[in-house]
Amino acid sequence: MPSAKAPRIYVGVGGWTFEPWRGVFYPDGLTQKRELEYASRKLTSIEINGTYYGSQKPESFRKWHDETPEGFVFSLKGPRFTTNRRVLAEAGESVERFIGSGVLELKDKLGPINWQFPPTKKFDPADFEAFLKLLPPSAEGRKLRHVVELRHESFKTPDAVALARKHGIAIVLAGDSAYPLIADVTAPFVYARIMGTVEEEATGYKAKALDLWVKRAKTWASGGAPEDLETLTPHPKKSEPRDVFLYVISGGKIRNPAAAMALIERLT
């Protein structure tokens, strides 16, 4: 797994199939079947959205692994059938089915699994912890990393942070969005989804904003916590260096690849 090596900052977008990117991000004449090959050489990670809406075949995961360069990482959205339910504690079979559906065919390119909760899902401490306990730390000898995307304001509490930290599960940092921003680090990695791009900017974000996200990512990667992001619990003492996953999502979507590439340029 990437975390067993020197920590890295992975930067990418959500998915790779988006018609408006053709002729803007993707060169004119590039066939659709080569879009992942192209995107994976401009970005360092992609969050796969298709796994949220339906199951994928093992051969698809194998194909994605083989089409991307060494060091590239995919994050996966857990299926909505797992998280869009009244009682999260009853999701065990759904979690097991997803982990066994072929995702391990990504091998060392398997990044975190993002379990996205619907905006209507409220914080229930007992049920939330029961769900966290269902997320396996490994499968078939491969370490797994899990992150929960909490979209209801009721989760913006020290109690939710404490439960995620207890189980080593990351909380998505929803940057530049209408969703609650929870900046507390609760796992040995950080997972941020920033949603503030605008079409009018060629790189999605203004240079100052790109510089700020790069500064934050470097701070997380070094084991620290950005001082400009308010947390619900006190910053823990500086930890070991950690992987950071930074995705440019939503917003002015046509500019998201440009924003991601501008971030990568600044990081390198």
C-alpha atoms as a PDB file:
ATOM      1  CA  MET A   1       0.000   0.000   0.000  1.00  0.00           C
ATOM      2  CA  PRO A   2       1.157   3.586  -0.611  1.00  0.00           C
ATOM      3  CA  SER A   3       1.176   4.336   3.135  1.00  0.00           C
ATOM      4  CA  ALA A   4       3.879   1.719   3.652  1.00  0.00           C
ATOM      5  CA  LYS A   5       6.184   3.893   1.545  1.00  0.00           C
ATOM      6  CA  ALA A   6       7.072   7.555   1.920  1.00  0.00           C
ATOM      7  CA  PRO A   7       3.858   9.533   2.500  1.00  0.00           C
ATOM      8  CA  ARG A   8       2.427  11.175  -0.586  1.00  0.00           C
ATOM      9  CA  ILE A   9      -0.076  13.846  -1.488  1.00  0.00           C
ATOM     10  CA  TYR A  10      -2.468  12.447  -4.087  1.00  0.00           C
ATOM     11  CA  VAL A  11      -4.481  14.933  -6.141  1.00  0.00           C
ATOM     12  CA  GLY A  12      -7.315  14.186  -8.516  1.00  0.00           C
ATOM     13  CA  VAL A  13     -10.950  14.556  -9.501  1.00  0.00           C
ATOM     14  CA  GLY A  14     -14.141  12.535  -9.329  1.00  0.00           C
ATOM     15  CA  GLY A  15     -14.421  10.062 -12.194  1.00  0.00           C
ATOM     16  CA  TRP A  16     -12.965  10.450 -15.650  1.00  0.00           C
ATOM     17  CA  THR A  17     -15.954  10.185 -17.998  1.00  0.00           C
ATOM     18  CA  PHE A  18     -17.453  13.665 -18.433  1.00  0.00           C
ATOM     19  CA  GLU A  19     -18.390  14.864 -21.897  1.00  0.00           C
ATOM     20  CA  PRO A  20     -17.575  18.598 -21.338  1.00  0.00           C
ATOM     21  CA  TRP A  21     -13.957  17.649 -20.576  1.00  0.00           C
ATOM     22  CA  ARG A  22     -13.514  16.485 -24.177  1.00  0.00           C
ATOM     23  CA  GLY A  23     -11.633  19.144 -26.066  1.00  0.00           C
ATOM     24  CA  VAL A  24     -10.942  21.028 -22.792  1.00  0.00           C
ATOM     25  CA  PHE A  25      -9.070  18.509 -20.625  1.00  0.00           C
ATOM     26  CA  TYR A  26      -8.954  15.648 -23.099  1.00  0.00           C
ATOM     27  CA  PRO A  27      -7.337  16.433 -26.473  1.00  0.00           C
ATOM     28  CA  ASP A  28      -9.534  16.533 -29.550  1.00  0.00           C
ATOM     29  CA  GLY A  29      -9.618  13.133 -31.190  1.00  0.00           C
ATOM     30  CA  LEU A  30      -8.793  11.132 -28.056  1.00  0.00           C
ATOM     31  CA  THR A  31     -11.025   8.062 -27.997  1.00  0.00           C
ATOM     32  CA  GLN A  32     -13.202   7.563 -24.922  1.00  0.00           C
ATOM     33  CA  LYS A  33     -11.575   4.220 -24.148  1.00  0.00           C
ATOM     34  CA  ARG A  34      -8.243   6.008 -23.677  1.00  0.00           C
ATOM     35  CA  GLU A  35      -9.529   8.732 -21.352  1.00  0.00           C
ATOM     36  CA  LEU A  36      -8.517   6.945 -18.153  1.00  0.00           C
ATOM     37  CA  GLU A  37      -5.061   6.289 -19.598  1.00  0.00           C
ATOM     38  CA  TYR A  38      -4.717  10.011 -20.354  1.00  0.00           C
ATOM     39  CA  ALA A  39      -6.187  11.289 -17.070  1.00  0.00           C
ATOM     40  CA  SER A  40      -4.034   9.000 -14.945  1.00  0.00           C
ATOM     41  CA  ARG A  41      -0.904  10.534 -16.454  1.00  0.00           C
ATOM     42  CA  LYS A  42      -2.015  14.086 -15.671  1.00  0.00           C
ATOM     43  CA  LEU A  43      -3.378  13.379 -12.170  1.00  0.00           C
ATOM     44  CA  THR A  44      -2.158  11.160  -9.351  1.00  0.00           C
ATOM     45  CA  SER A  45      -5.520   9.818  -8.170  1.00  0.00           C
ATOM     46  CA  ILE A  46      -9.175   9.542  -9.148  1.00  0.00           C
ATOM     47  CA  GLU A  47     -12.196   8.956  -6.949  1.00  0.00           C
ATOM     48  CA  ILE A  48     -14.437   6.412  -8.672  1.00  0.00           C
ATOM     49  CA  ASN A  49     -18.082   7.452  -8.489  1.00  0.00           C
ATOM     50  CA  GLY A  50     -19.588   4.526 -10.366  1.00  0.00           C
ATOM     51  CA  THR A  51     -19.205   2.235  -7.366  1.00  0.00           C
ATOM     52  CA  TYR A  52     -21.667   4.455  -5.472  1.00  0.00           C
ATOM     53  CA  TYR A  53     -24.457   3.862  -7.967  1.00  0.00           C
ATOM     54  CA  GLY A  54     -23.969   0.193  -8.778  1.00  0.00           C
ATOM     55  CA  SER A  55     -21.675  -2.806  -8.631  1.00  0.00           C
ATOM     56  CA  GLN A  56     -18.703  -3.120 -10.953  1.00  0.00           C
ATOM     57  CA  LYS A  57     -17.252  -6.323 -12.355  1.00  0.00           C
ATOM     58  CA  PRO A  58     -13.878  -7.631 -11.102  1.00  0.00           C
ATOM     59  CA  GLU A  59     -12.541  -7.410 -14.646  1.00  0.00           C
ATOM     60  CA  SER A  60     -13.290  -3.676 -14.642  1.00  0.00           C
ATOM     61  CA  PHE A  61     -11.087  -3.161 -11.585  1.00  0.00           C
ATOM     62  CA  ARG A  62      -8.345  -5.249 -13.216  1.00  0.00           C
ATOM     63  CA  LYS A  63      -8.621  -3.185 -16.392  1.00  0.00           C
ATOM     64  CA  TRP A  64      -8.398   0.099 -14.465  1.00  0.00           C
ATOM     65  CA  HIS A  65      -5.353  -1.192 -12.610  1.00  0.00           C
ATOM     66  CA  ASP A  66      -3.607  -2.146 -15.835  1.00  0.00           C
ATOM     67  CA  GLU A  67      -4.389   1.104 -17.679  1.00  0.00           C
ATOM     68  CA  THR A  68      -2.854   3.391 -15.052  1.00  0.00           C
ATOM     69  CA  PRO A  69       0.812   4.029 -14.202  1.00  0.00           C
ATOM     70  CA  GLU A  70       2.693   2.778 -11.165  1.00  0.00           C
ATOM     71  CA  GLY A  71       2.021   4.942  -8.133  1.00  0.00           C
ATOM     72  CA  PHE A  72      -1.453   5.972  -9.275  1.00  0.00           C
ATOM     73  CA  VAL A  73      -4.239   5.383  -6.737  1.00  0.00           C
ATOM     74  CA  PHE A  74      -8.011   5.035  -6.987  1.00  0.00           C
ATOM     75  CA  SER A  75     -10.346   5.944  -4.173  1.00  0.00           C
ATOM     76  CA  LEU A  76     -13.754   4.312  -4.273  1.00  0.00           C
ATOM     77  CA  LYS A  77     -17.186   5.552  -3.259  1.00  0.00           C
ATOM     78  CA  GLY A  78     -18.929   2.884  -1.208  1.00  0.00           C
ATOM     79  CA  PRO A  79     -22.372   1.900  -2.571  1.00  0.00           C
ATOM     80  CA  ARG A  80     -25.314   4.093  -1.665  1.00  0.00           C
ATOM     81  CA  PHE A  81     -27.276   0.973  -0.687  1.00  0.00           C
ATOM     82  CA  THR A  82     -24.900   0.678   2.275  1.00  0.00           C
ATOM     83  CA  THR A  83     -25.201   4.194   3.671  1.00  0.00           C
ATOM     84  CA  ASN A  84     -28.671   5.320   2.529  1.00  0.00           C
ATOM     85  CA  ARG A  85     -30.522   3.337   5.146  1.00  0.00           C
ATOM     86  CA  ARG A  86     -32.328   4.122   8.368  1.00  0.00           C
ATOM     87  CA  VAL A  87     -30.217   1.799  10.534  1.00  0.00           C
ATOM     88  CA  LEU A  88     -26.525   1.841   9.656  1.00  0.00           C
ATOM     89  CA  ALA A  89     -25.839  -1.019  12.039  1.00  0.00           C
ATOM     90  CA  GLU A  90     -27.665  -3.308   9.600  1.00  0.00           C
ATOM     91  CA  ALA A  91     -25.222  -2.591   6.750  1.00  0.00           C
ATOM     92  CA  GLY A  92     -22.790  -5.404   7.518  1.00  0.00           C
ATOM     93  CA  GLU A  93     -23.802  -7.692   4.654  1.00  0.00           C
ATOM     94  CA  SER A  94     -23.691  -4.775   2.207  1.00  0.00           C
ATOM     95  CA  VAL A  95     -20.183  -3.791   3.335  1.00  0.00           C
ATOM     96  CA  GLU A  96     -18.950  -7.375   2.985  1.00  0.00           C
ATOM     97  CA  ARG A  97     -20.512  -7.712  -0.456  1.00  0.00           C
ATOM     98  CA  PHE A  98     -18.774  -4.566  -1.674  1.00  0.00           C
ATOM     99  CA  ILE A  99     -15.355  -5.529  -0.324  1.00  0.00           C
ATOM    100  CA  GLY A 100     -15.755  -8.915  -2.010  1.00  0.00           C
ATOM    101  CA  SER A 101     -17.011  -7.523  -5.313  1.00  0.00           C
ATOM    102  CA  GLY A 102     -13.591  -7.278  -6.939  1.00  0.00           C
ATOM    103  CA  VAL A 103     -12.196  -4.037  -5.513  1.00  0.00           C
ATOM    104  CA  LEU A 104      -9.072  -5.907  -4.384  1.00  0.00           C
ATOM    105  CA  GLU A 105      -8.223  -6.390  -8.062  1.00  0.00           C
ATOM    106  CA  LEU A 106      -6.874  -2.833  -7.882  1.00  0.00           C
ATOM    107  CA  LYS A 107      -4.057  -4.270  -5.737  1.00  0.00           C
ATOM    108  CA  ASP A 108      -1.619  -1.574  -4.615  1.00  0.00           C
ATOM    109  CA  LYS A 109      -3.668   1.050  -6.477  1.00  0.00           C
ATOM    110  CA  LEU A 110      -6.576   0.679  -4.049  1.00  0.00           C
ATOM    111  CA  GLY A 111      -6.859   3.848  -2.001  1.00  0.00           C
ATOM    112  CA  PRO A 112      -9.425   4.791   0.665  1.00  0.00           C
ATOM    113  CA  ILE A 113     -13.072   3.809   0.460  1.00  0.00           C
ATOM    114  CA  ASN A 114     -15.388   6.774   0.929  1.00  0.00           C
ATOM    115  CA  TRP A 115     -18.669   5.918   2.628  1.00  0.00           C
ATOM    116  CA  GLN A 116     -20.817   8.944   1.795  1.00  0.00           C
ATOM    117  CA  PHE A 117     -23.842   9.562   4.030  1.00  0.00           C
ATOM    118  CA  PRO A 118     -26.908  11.343   2.608  1.00  0.00           C
ATOM    119  CA  PRO A 119     -27.448  14.958   3.750  1.00  0.00           C
ATOM    120  CA  THR A 120     -30.553  13.832   5.650  1.00  0.00           C
ATOM    121  CA  LYS A 121     -28.643  11.309   7.809  1.00  0.00           C
ATOM    122  CA  LYS A 122     -28.414  12.630  11.380  1.00  0.00           C
ATOM    123  CA  PHE A 123     -25.850  11.710  14.008  1.00  0.00           C
ATOM    124  CA  ASP A 124     -26.888   8.812  16.219  1.00  0.00           C
ATOM    125  CA  PRO A 125     -23.822   7.942  18.339  1.00  0.00           C
ATOM    126  CA  ALA A 126     -24.668   4.270  18.904  1.00  0.00           C
ATOM    127  CA  ASP A 127     -25.674   3.599  15.303  1.00  0.00           C
ATOM    128  CA  PHE A 128     -22.715   5.564  13.927  1.00  0.00           C
ATOM    129  CA  GLU A 129     -20.240   3.580  16.008  1.00  0.00           C
ATOM    130  CA  ALA A 130     -21.939   0.331  15.040  1.00  0.00           C
ATOM    131  CA  PHE A 131     -21.348   1.232  11.394  1.00  0.00           C
ATOM    132  CA  LEU A 132     -17.698   2.129  11.988  1.00  0.00           C
ATOM    133  CA  LYS A 133     -17.199  -1.295  13.552  1.00  0.00           C
ATOM    134  CA  LEU A 134     -18.456  -2.917  10.338  1.00  0.00           C
ATOM    135  CA  LEU A 135     -15.627  -1.446   8.257  1.00  0.00           C
ATOM    136  CA  PRO A 136     -12.889  -4.104   8.035  1.00  0.00           C
ATOM    137  CA  PRO A 137      -9.277  -2.960   8.562  1.00  0.00           C
ATOM    138  CA  SER A 138      -8.073  -5.500   6.005  1.00  0.00           C
ATOM    139  CA  ALA A 139      -9.244  -8.044   3.455  1.00  0.00           C
ATOM    140  CA  GLU A 140      -7.291 -10.996   2.056  1.00  0.00           C
ATOM    141  CA  GLY A 141      -4.159  -9.654   3.669  1.00  0.00           C
ATOM    142  CA  ARG A 142      -4.494  -6.176   2.154  1.00  0.00           C
ATOM    143  CA  LYS A 143      -4.839  -3.185   4.457  1.00  0.00           C
ATOM    144  CA  LEU A 144      -7.975  -1.123   3.893  1.00  0.00           C
ATOM    145  CA  ARG A 145      -8.502   2.549   4.623  1.00  0.00           C
ATOM    146  CA  HIS A 146     -11.969   3.951   5.237  1.00  0.00           C
ATOM    147  CA  VAL A 147     -13.372   7.474   5.293  1.00  0.00           C
ATOM    148  CA  VAL A 148     -16.888   8.678   6.087  1.00  0.00           C
ATOM    149  CA  GLU A 149     -18.481  11.683   4.418  1.00  0.00           C
ATOM    150  CA  LEU A 150     -20.796  13.296   6.954  1.00  0.00           C
ATOM    151  CA  ARG A 151     -23.186  15.751   5.340  1.00  0.00           C
ATOM    152  CA  HIS A 152     -25.594  16.651   8.158  1.00  0.00           C
ATOM    153  CA  GLU A 153     -24.764  19.418  10.630  1.00  0.00           C
ATOM    154  CA  SER A 154     -25.549  17.122  13.578  1.00  0.00           C
ATOM    155  CA  PHE A 155     -22.245  15.313  12.922  1.00  0.00           C
ATOM    156  CA  LYS A 156     -20.328  18.507  13.613  1.00  0.00           C
ATOM    157  CA  THR A 157     -19.685  17.560  17.206  1.00  0.00           C
ATOM    158  CA  PRO A 158     -16.675  16.376  19.246  1.00  0.00           C
ATOM    159  CA  ASP A 159     -18.537  13.122  19.941  1.00  0.00           C
ATOM    160  CA  ALA A 160     -18.616  12.132  16.263  1.00  0.00           C
ATOM    161  CA  VAL A 161     -14.946  13.065  15.900  1.00  0.00           C
ATOM    162  CA  ALA A 162     -14.034  10.997  18.946  1.00  0.00           C
ATOM    163  CA  LEU A 163     -15.810   7.919  17.575  1.00  0.00           C
ATOM    164  CA  ALA A 164     -14.113   8.195  14.178  1.00  0.00           C
ATOM    165  CA  ARG A 165     -10.725   8.663  15.860  1.00  0.00           C
ATOM    166  CA  LYS A 166     -11.345   5.695  18.167  1.00  0.00           C
ATOM    167  CA  HIS A 167     -11.777   3.420  15.151  1.00  0.00           C
ATOM    168  CA  GLY A 168      -9.130   5.033  12.943  1.00  0.00           C
ATOM    169  CA  ILE A 169     -11.660   6.130  10.322  1.00  0.00           C
ATOM    170  CA  ALA A 170     -11.065   9.412   8.489  1.00  0.00           C
ATOM    171  CA  ILE A 171     -13.749  12.078   8.101  1.00  0.00           C
ATOM    172  CA  VAL A 172     -14.014  13.794   4.732  1.00  0.00           C
ATOM    173  CA  LEU A 173     -13.004  17.424   4.929  1.00  0.00           C
ATOM    174  CA  ALA A 174     -15.620  19.147   2.768  1.00  0.00           C
ATOM    175  CA  GLY A 175     -13.850  22.304   1.636  1.00  0.00           C
ATOM    176  CA  ASP A 176     -15.474  25.353   0.032  1.00  0.00           C
ATOM    177  CA  SER A 177     -18.928  23.802   0.161  1.00  0.00           C
ATOM    178  CA  ALA A 178     -22.307  24.049   1.858  1.00  0.00           C
ATOM    179  CA  TYR A 179     -21.649  20.835   3.781  1.00  0.00           C
ATOM    180  CA  PRO A 180     -20.294  20.934   7.346  1.00  0.00           C
ATOM    181  CA  LEU A 181     -16.538  21.328   7.425  1.00  0.00           C
ATOM    182  CA  ILE A 182     -14.954  18.923   9.913  1.00  0.00           C
ATOM    183  CA  ALA A 183     -11.197  19.467   9.856  1.00  0.00           C
ATOM    184  CA  ASP A 184     -10.239  17.137  12.709  1.00  0.00           C
ATOM    185  CA  VAL A 185      -7.714  14.467  11.724  1.00  0.00           C
ATOM    186  CA  THR A 186      -9.039  11.100  12.908  1.00  0.00           C
ATOM    187  CA  ALA A 187      -6.979   8.571  10.925  1.00  0.00           C
ATOM    188  CA  PRO A 188      -3.401   7.990   9.700  1.00  0.00           C
ATOM    189  CA  PHE A 189      -4.339   9.795   6.460  1.00  0.00           C
ATOM    190  CA  VAL A 190      -6.336  12.863   5.408  1.00  0.00           C
ATOM    191  CA  TYR A 191      -9.095  12.916   2.808  1.00  0.00           C
ATOM    192  CA  ALA A 192     -10.275  16.291   1.511  1.00  0.00           C
ATOM    193  CA  ARG A 193     -12.861  17.057  -1.177  1.00  0.00           C
ATOM    194  CA  ILE A 194     -12.804  20.706  -2.250  1.00  0.00           C
ATOM    195  CA  MET A 195     -15.820  22.036  -4.130  1.00  0.00           C
ATOM    196  CA  GLY A 196     -15.208  25.702  -4.886  1.00  0.00           C
ATOM    197  CA  THR A 197     -14.108  25.796  -8.518  1.00  0.00           C
ATOM    198  CA  VAL A 198     -15.771  28.254 -10.896  1.00  0.00           C
ATOM    199  CA  GLU A 199     -15.936  28.125 -14.681  1.00  0.00           C
ATOM    200  CA  GLU A 200     -14.744  31.714 -15.054  1.00  0.00           C
ATOM    201  CA  GLU A 201     -11.285  30.803 -13.708  1.00  0.00           C
ATOM    202  CA  ALA A 202      -9.077  28.920 -16.170  1.00  0.00           C
ATOM    203  CA  THR A 203      -7.658  26.887 -13.271  1.00  0.00           C
ATOM    204  CA  GLY A 204     -10.947  26.683 -11.369  1.00  0.00           C
ATOM    205  CA  TYR A 205      -9.545  28.488  -8.345  1.00  0.00           C
ATOM    206  CA  LYS A 206      -7.629  31.725  -8.079  1.00  0.00           C
ATOM    207  CA  ALA A 207      -3.889  31.313  -7.473  1.00  0.00           C
ATOM    208  CA  LYS A 208      -4.196  32.397  -3.834  1.00  0.00           C
ATOM    209  CA  ALA A 209      -6.740  29.669  -3.102  1.00  0.00           C
ATOM    210  CA  LEU A 210      -4.636  27.014  -4.854  1.00  0.00           C
ATOM    211  CA  ASP A 211      -1.606  28.085  -2.820  1.00  0.00           C
ATOM    212  CA  LEU A 212      -3.626  27.819   0.390  1.00  0.00           C
ATOM    213  CA  TRP A 213      -4.778  24.253  -0.328  1.00  0.00           C
ATOM    214  CA  VAL A 214      -1.224  23.244  -1.186  1.00  0.00           C
ATOM    215  CA  LYS A 215      -0.001  24.711   2.090  1.00  0.00           C
ATOM    216  CA  ARG A 216      -2.679  22.803   4.013  1.00  0.00           C
ATOM    217  CA  ALA A 217      -1.913  19.549   2.192  1.00  0.00           C
ATOM    218  CA  LYS A 218       1.784  19.855   2.983  1.00  0.00           C
ATOM    219  CA  THR A 219       0.991  20.503   6.645  1.00  0.00           C
ATOM    220  CA  TRP A 220      -1.186  17.398   6.843  1.00  0.00           C
ATOM    221  CA  ALA A 221       1.419  15.317   5.044  1.00  0.00           C
ATOM    222  CA  SER A 222       4.091  16.389   7.532  1.00  0.00           C
ATOM    223  CA  GLY A 223       1.929  15.143  10.410  1.00  0.00           C
ATOM    224  CA  GLY A 224       0.579  18.535  11.432  1.00  0.00           C
ATOM    225  CA  ALA A 225      -2.771  20.300  11.258  1.00  0.00           C
ATOM    226  CA  PRO A 226      -3.419  23.605   9.433  1.00  0.00           C
ATOM    227  CA  GLU A 227      -3.842  26.375  11.985  1.00  0.00           C
ATOM    228  CA  ASP A 228      -6.317  28.257   9.795  1.00  0.00           C
ATOM    229  CA  LEU A 229      -8.889  25.426   9.884  1.00  0.00           C
ATOM    230  CA  GLU A 230     -10.960  25.365  13.064  1.00  0.00           C
ATOM    231  CA  THR A 231     -11.404  21.937  14.618  1.00  0.00           C
ATOM    232  CA  LEU A 232     -13.974  20.527  17.024  1.00  0.00           C
ATOM    233  CA  THR A 233     -11.341  18.924  19.248  1.00  0.00           C
ATOM    234  CA  PRO A 234      -7.871  20.115  20.240  1.00  0.00           C
ATOM    235  CA  HIS A 235      -5.132  19.447  17.718  1.00  0.00           C
ATOM    236  CA  PRO A 236      -3.294  16.285  18.785  1.00  0.00           C
ATOM    237  CA  LYS A 237       0.458  16.432  19.043  1.00  0.00           C
ATOM    238  CA  LYS A 238       2.210  16.248  15.703  1.00  0.00           C
ATOM    239  CA  SER A 239       2.004  12.714  14.348  1.00  0.00           C
ATOM    240  CA  GLU A 240       4.021  10.677  11.910  1.00  0.00           C
ATOM    241  CA  PRO A 241       3.919  11.870   8.269  1.00  0.00           C
ATOM    242  CA  ARG A 242       0.742  10.766   6.537  1.00  0.00           C
ATOM    243  CA  ASP A 243      -0.759  10.313   3.071  1.00  0.00           C
ATOM    244  CA  VAL A 244      -3.119  13.041   1.896  1.00  0.00           C
ATOM    245  CA  PHE A 245      -5.883  12.592  -0.681  1.00  0.00           C
ATOM    246  CA  LEU A 246      -7.108  15.855  -2.193  1.00  0.00           C
ATOM    247  CA  TYR A 247      -9.937  15.765  -4.721  1.00  0.00           C
ATOM    248  CA  VAL A 248     -11.399  18.652  -6.704  1.00  0.00           C
ATOM    249  CA  ILE A 249     -15.108  17.825  -6.832  1.00  0.00           C
ATOM    250  CA  SER A 250     -18.340  19.519  -7.983  1.00  0.00           C
ATOM    251  CA  GLY A 251     -18.266  23.317  -8.335  1.00  0.00           C
ATOM    252  CA  GLY A 252     -17.353  24.423 -11.858  1.00  0.00           C
ATOM    253  CA  LYS A 253     -16.758  20.818 -12.850  1.00  0.00           C
ATOM    254  CA  ILE A 254     -15.374  21.583 -16.305  1.00  0.00           C
ATOM    255  CA  ARG A 255     -12.394  23.262 -14.567  1.00  0.00           C
ATOM    256  CA  ASN A 256     -11.720  20.559 -11.991  1.00  0.00           C
ATOM    257  CA  PRO A 257      -8.942  18.777 -13.925  1.00  0.00           C
ATOM    258  CA  ALA A 258      -7.208  22.120 -14.505  1.00  0.00           C
ATOM    259  CA  ALA A 259      -7.423  22.893 -10.774  1.00  0.00           C
ATOM    260  CA  ALA A 260      -6.043  19.475  -9.868  1.00  0.00           C
ATOM    261  CA  MET A 261      -3.154  19.858 -12.321  1.00  0.00           C
ATOM    262  CA  ALA A 262      -2.403  23.342 -10.944  1.00  0.00           C
ATOM    263  CA  LEU A 263      -2.243  21.864  -7.435  1.00  0.00           C
ATOM    264  CA  ILE A 264       0.084  19.072  -8.600  1.00  0.00           C
ATOM    265  CA  GLU A 265       2.329  21.617 -10.327  1.00  0.00           C
ATOM    266  CA  ARG A 266       2.636  23.593  -7.101  1.00  0.00           C
ATOM    267  CA  LEU A 267       3.371  20.456  -5.097  1.00  0.00           C
ATOM    268  CA  THR A 268       6.175  19.393  -7.402  1.00  0.00           C
END
